[in-house]
């Protein structure tokens, strides 16, 4: 059964790292589009912005597999077009 995630996997609660890893573990069953919090992670990771007060990004940015996690997020779309079948 497919699962759809409509953005903001990150920074919407205290367990951003675990949420991200759980969704990644779903593999092709998960369809993900990015939200503004996910885009914020990418901008902070790229050094374009500093974390905002209250952000829960450090656990992701400091994870031993941070580069892989960021790369996975970076390749997700901001919209998904579903064509009629």
N, C-alpha and C. Protein backbone atom coordinates (compact mmCIF):
# COMPACT_ATOMS: atom_id res chain seq x y z
N UNK A 1 0.84 -1.17 0.00
CA UNK A 1 0.00 0.00 0.00
C UNK A 1 0.90 1.24 0.00
N UNK A 2 0.67 2.17 -0.95
CA UNK A 2 1.49 3.38 -0.98
C UNK A 2 1.12 4.35 0.14
N UNK A 3 2.11 5.06 0.61
CA UNK A 3 1.91 6.10 1.63
C UNK A 3 2.39 7.42 1.06
N UNK A 4 1.58 8.45 1.22
CA UNK A 4 1.92 9.78 0.71
C UNK A 4 2.25 10.69 1.88
N UNK A 5 3.35 11.42 1.73
CA UNK A 5 3.77 12.39 2.75
C UNK A 5 3.82 13.76 2.09
N UNK A 6 3.01 14.65 2.61
CA UNK A 6 2.86 15.97 1.99
C UNK A 6 3.67 17.03 2.73
N UNK A 7 4.96 16.84 2.78
CA UNK A 7 5.87 17.85 3.29
C UNK A 7 5.99 17.90 4.80
N UNK A 8 7.02 18.63 5.21
CA UNK A 8 7.32 18.87 6.61
C UNK A 8 7.54 17.60 7.42
N UNK A 9 8.36 16.72 6.87
CA UNK A 9 8.79 15.54 7.64
C UNK A 9 9.71 15.98 8.77
N UNK A 10 10.37 17.10 8.55
CA UNK A 10 11.43 17.58 9.43
C UNK A 10 10.96 18.80 10.21
N UNK A 11 11.38 18.87 11.45
CA UNK A 11 11.20 20.08 12.26
C UNK A 11 9.75 20.33 12.67
N UNK A 12 8.93 19.31 12.66
CA UNK A 12 7.54 19.46 13.10
C UNK A 12 7.29 18.70 14.40
N UNK A 13 8.35 18.35 15.06
CA UNK A 13 8.26 17.63 16.32
C UNK A 13 9.65 17.32 16.82
N UNK A 14 9.75 16.66 17.95
CA UNK A 14 11.06 16.45 18.58
C UNK A 14 11.89 15.32 17.96
N UNK A 15 11.34 14.55 17.04
CA UNK A 15 12.05 13.38 16.53
C UNK A 15 12.22 13.44 15.01
N UNK A 16 12.75 14.55 14.52
CA UNK A 16 12.92 14.73 13.08
C UNK A 16 13.82 13.66 12.47
N UNK A 17 14.91 13.34 13.13
CA UNK A 17 15.83 12.34 12.60
C UNK A 17 15.15 10.98 12.48
N UNK A 18 14.46 10.56 13.51
CA UNK A 18 13.80 9.26 13.47
C UNK A 18 12.69 9.23 12.43
N UNK A 19 11.94 10.32 12.32
CA UNK A 19 10.89 10.39 11.31
C UNK A 19 11.48 10.26 9.92
N UNK A 20 12.55 10.99 9.65
CA UNK A 20 13.20 10.93 8.35
C UNK A 20 13.69 9.52 8.06
N UNK A 21 14.32 8.89 9.02
CA UNK A 21 14.82 7.52 8.81
C UNK A 21 13.66 6.54 8.60
N UNK A 22 12.57 6.71 9.32
CA UNK A 22 11.41 5.82 9.15
C UNK A 22 10.82 5.93 7.75
N UNK A 23 10.70 7.14 7.25
CA UNK A 23 10.15 7.34 5.91
C UNK A 23 11.10 6.78 4.86
N UNK A 24 12.38 7.02 5.00
CA UNK A 24 13.36 6.47 4.06
C UNK A 24 13.27 4.95 4.04
N UNK A 25 13.09 4.34 5.21
CA UNK A 25 13.02 2.88 5.31
C UNK A 25 11.81 2.30 4.57
N UNK A 26 10.80 3.11 4.33
CA UNK A 26 9.62 2.64 3.59
C UNK A 26 9.93 2.39 2.13
N UNK A 27 11.04 2.94 1.65
CA UNK A 27 11.45 2.73 0.27
C UNK A 27 10.40 3.23 -0.71
N UNK A 28 10.16 2.45 -1.77
CA UNK A 28 9.25 2.90 -2.82
C UNK A 28 7.78 2.98 -2.40
N UNK A 29 7.45 2.46 -1.22
CA UNK A 29 6.07 2.60 -0.74
C UNK A 29 5.75 4.03 -0.35
N UNK A 30 6.79 4.86 -0.13
CA UNK A 30 6.59 6.24 0.30
C UNK A 30 6.74 7.20 -0.88
N UNK A 31 5.72 8.00 -1.08
CA UNK A 31 5.79 9.11 -2.03
C UNK A 31 5.87 10.37 -1.20
N UNK A 32 6.92 11.15 -1.42
CA UNK A 32 7.20 12.31 -0.57
C UNK A 32 7.28 13.57 -1.43
N UNK A 33 6.65 14.64 -0.96
CA UNK A 33 6.91 15.97 -1.51
C UNK A 33 7.41 16.82 -0.35
N UNK A 34 8.28 17.77 -0.68
CA UNK A 34 8.90 18.59 0.36
C UNK A 34 8.01 19.75 0.77
N UNK A 35 8.13 20.10 2.04
CA UNK A 35 7.47 21.28 2.58
C UNK A 35 8.51 22.32 2.95
N UNK A 36 8.04 23.44 3.47
CA UNK A 36 8.96 24.53 3.78
C UNK A 36 9.98 24.16 4.85
N UNK A 37 9.63 23.30 5.79
CA UNK A 37 10.60 22.89 6.82
C UNK A 37 11.69 22.01 6.22
N UNK A 38 11.32 21.18 5.27
CA UNK A 38 12.30 20.32 4.60
C UNK A 38 13.25 21.18 3.75
N UNK A 39 12.69 22.18 3.08
CA UNK A 39 13.51 23.11 2.30
C UNK A 39 14.44 23.92 3.20
N UNK A 40 13.96 24.25 4.39
CA UNK A 40 14.80 24.96 5.36
C UNK A 40 16.01 24.11 5.74
N UNK A 41 15.80 22.82 5.96
CA UNK A 41 16.92 21.92 6.25
C UNK A 41 17.95 21.97 5.14
N UNK A 42 17.49 21.91 3.90
CA UNK A 42 18.42 21.94 2.77
C UNK A 42 19.18 23.26 2.71
N UNK A 43 18.52 24.36 2.99
CA UNK A 43 19.21 25.66 2.94
C UNK A 43 20.22 25.80 4.07
N UNK A 44 19.90 25.27 5.24
CA UNK A 44 20.85 25.31 6.36
C UNK A 44 22.03 24.38 6.07
N UNK A 45 21.75 23.19 5.56
CA UNK A 45 22.82 22.24 5.24
C UNK A 45 23.76 22.78 4.17
N UNK A 46 23.22 23.59 3.26
CA UNK A 46 24.04 24.16 2.19
C UNK A 46 24.76 25.43 2.64
N UNK A 47 24.51 25.86 3.87
CA UNK A 47 25.17 27.06 4.38
C UNK A 47 24.54 28.36 3.90
N UNK A 48 23.35 28.28 3.35
CA UNK A 48 22.67 29.48 2.85
C UNK A 48 21.96 30.25 3.95
N UNK A 49 21.55 29.54 4.99
CA UNK A 49 20.85 30.15 6.12
C UNK A 49 21.34 29.53 7.42
N UNK A 50 21.13 30.24 8.50
CA UNK A 50 21.39 29.69 9.82
C UNK A 50 20.09 29.10 10.35
N UNK A 51 20.19 28.10 11.24
CA UNK A 51 18.96 27.55 11.82
C UNK A 51 18.15 28.64 12.53
N UNK A 52 16.84 28.51 12.45
CA UNK A 52 15.95 29.44 13.13
C UNK A 52 15.76 28.99 14.58
N UNK A 53 15.38 29.92 15.43
CA UNK A 53 15.11 29.59 16.82
C UNK A 53 14.03 28.51 16.86
N UNK A 54 14.29 27.46 17.60
CA UNK A 54 13.33 26.37 17.74
C UNK A 54 13.47 25.27 16.71
N UNK A 55 14.35 25.44 15.72
CA UNK A 55 14.55 24.39 14.73
C UNK A 55 15.09 23.13 15.40
N UNK A 56 14.70 21.99 14.88
CA UNK A 56 15.19 20.70 15.38
C UNK A 56 16.03 20.02 14.30
N UNK A 57 16.92 20.79 13.71
CA UNK A 57 17.72 20.30 12.60
C UNK A 57 19.05 19.70 13.02
N UNK A 58 19.56 20.10 14.17
CA UNK A 58 20.90 19.67 14.57
C UNK A 58 21.04 18.16 14.63
N UNK A 59 20.03 17.45 15.10
CA UNK A 59 20.16 16.00 15.19
C UNK A 59 20.36 15.38 13.81
N UNK A 60 19.79 15.98 12.78
CA UNK A 60 19.99 15.49 11.42
C UNK A 60 21.36 15.93 10.91
N UNK A 61 21.66 17.20 11.08
CA UNK A 61 22.93 17.74 10.57
C UNK A 61 24.14 17.12 11.24
N UNK A 62 24.00 16.65 12.47
CA UNK A 62 25.11 16.05 13.22
C UNK A 62 25.11 14.52 13.19
N UNK A 63 24.14 13.92 12.51
CA UNK A 63 24.07 12.46 12.43
C UNK A 63 25.25 11.92 11.63
N UNK A 64 25.73 10.73 11.95
CA UNK A 64 26.86 10.17 11.21
C UNK A 64 26.57 9.99 9.72
N UNK A 65 25.30 9.80 9.38
CA UNK A 65 24.89 9.62 7.99
C UNK A 65 24.21 10.87 7.43
N UNK A 66 24.54 12.02 7.98
CA UNK A 66 23.90 13.28 7.58
C UNK A 66 23.97 13.51 6.07
N UNK A 67 25.11 13.26 5.46
CA UNK A 67 25.25 13.50 4.02
C UNK A 67 24.25 12.66 3.22
N UNK A 68 24.06 11.41 3.62
CA UNK A 68 23.11 10.53 2.93
C UNK A 68 21.67 11.01 3.15
N UNK A 69 21.37 11.43 4.36
CA UNK A 69 20.02 11.92 4.67
C UNK A 69 19.70 13.17 3.86
N UNK A 70 20.63 14.11 3.84
CA UNK A 70 20.45 15.36 3.09
C UNK A 70 20.30 15.05 1.61
N UNK A 71 21.09 14.14 1.11
CA UNK A 71 21.02 13.77 -0.31
C UNK A 71 19.65 13.18 -0.65
N UNK A 72 19.10 12.36 0.22
CA UNK A 72 17.78 11.78 -0.01
C UNK A 72 16.73 12.89 -0.07
N UNK A 73 16.77 13.80 0.88
CA UNK A 73 15.81 14.91 0.90
C UNK A 73 15.98 15.76 -0.36
N UNK A 74 17.21 16.03 -0.72
CA UNK A 74 17.51 16.90 -1.86
C UNK A 74 16.90 16.39 -3.16
N UNK A 75 16.71 15.12 -3.27
CA UNK A 75 16.17 14.54 -4.50
C UNK A 75 14.66 14.35 -4.49
N UNK A 76 13.99 14.85 -3.50
CA UNK A 76 12.53 14.76 -3.44
C UNK A 76 11.92 16.00 -4.09
N UNK A 77 10.78 15.84 -4.74
CA UNK A 77 10.14 16.97 -5.43
C UNK A 77 9.35 17.85 -4.46
N UNK A 78 8.99 19.03 -4.93
CA UNK A 78 8.12 19.92 -4.16
C UNK A 78 6.66 19.77 -4.58
N UNK A 79 6.44 19.03 -5.65
CA UNK A 79 5.07 18.74 -6.11
C UNK A 79 5.10 17.38 -6.80
N UNK A 80 3.94 16.77 -6.86
CA UNK A 80 3.83 15.48 -7.53
C UNK A 80 2.62 15.53 -8.44
N UNK A 81 2.82 15.22 -9.68
CA UNK A 81 1.74 15.18 -10.65
C UNK A 81 1.36 13.74 -10.88
N UNK A 82 0.14 13.44 -10.58
CA UNK A 82 -0.35 12.07 -10.80
C UNK A 82 -1.20 12.09 -12.04
N UNK A 83 -0.79 11.31 -13.01
CA UNK A 83 -1.53 11.27 -14.27
C UNK A 83 -2.64 10.23 -14.18
N UNK A 84 -3.71 10.47 -14.90
CA UNK A 84 -4.83 9.53 -14.91
C UNK A 84 -4.38 8.23 -15.55
N UNK A 85 -4.87 7.13 -15.00
CA UNK A 85 -4.48 5.83 -15.57
C UNK A 85 -5.62 5.22 -16.32
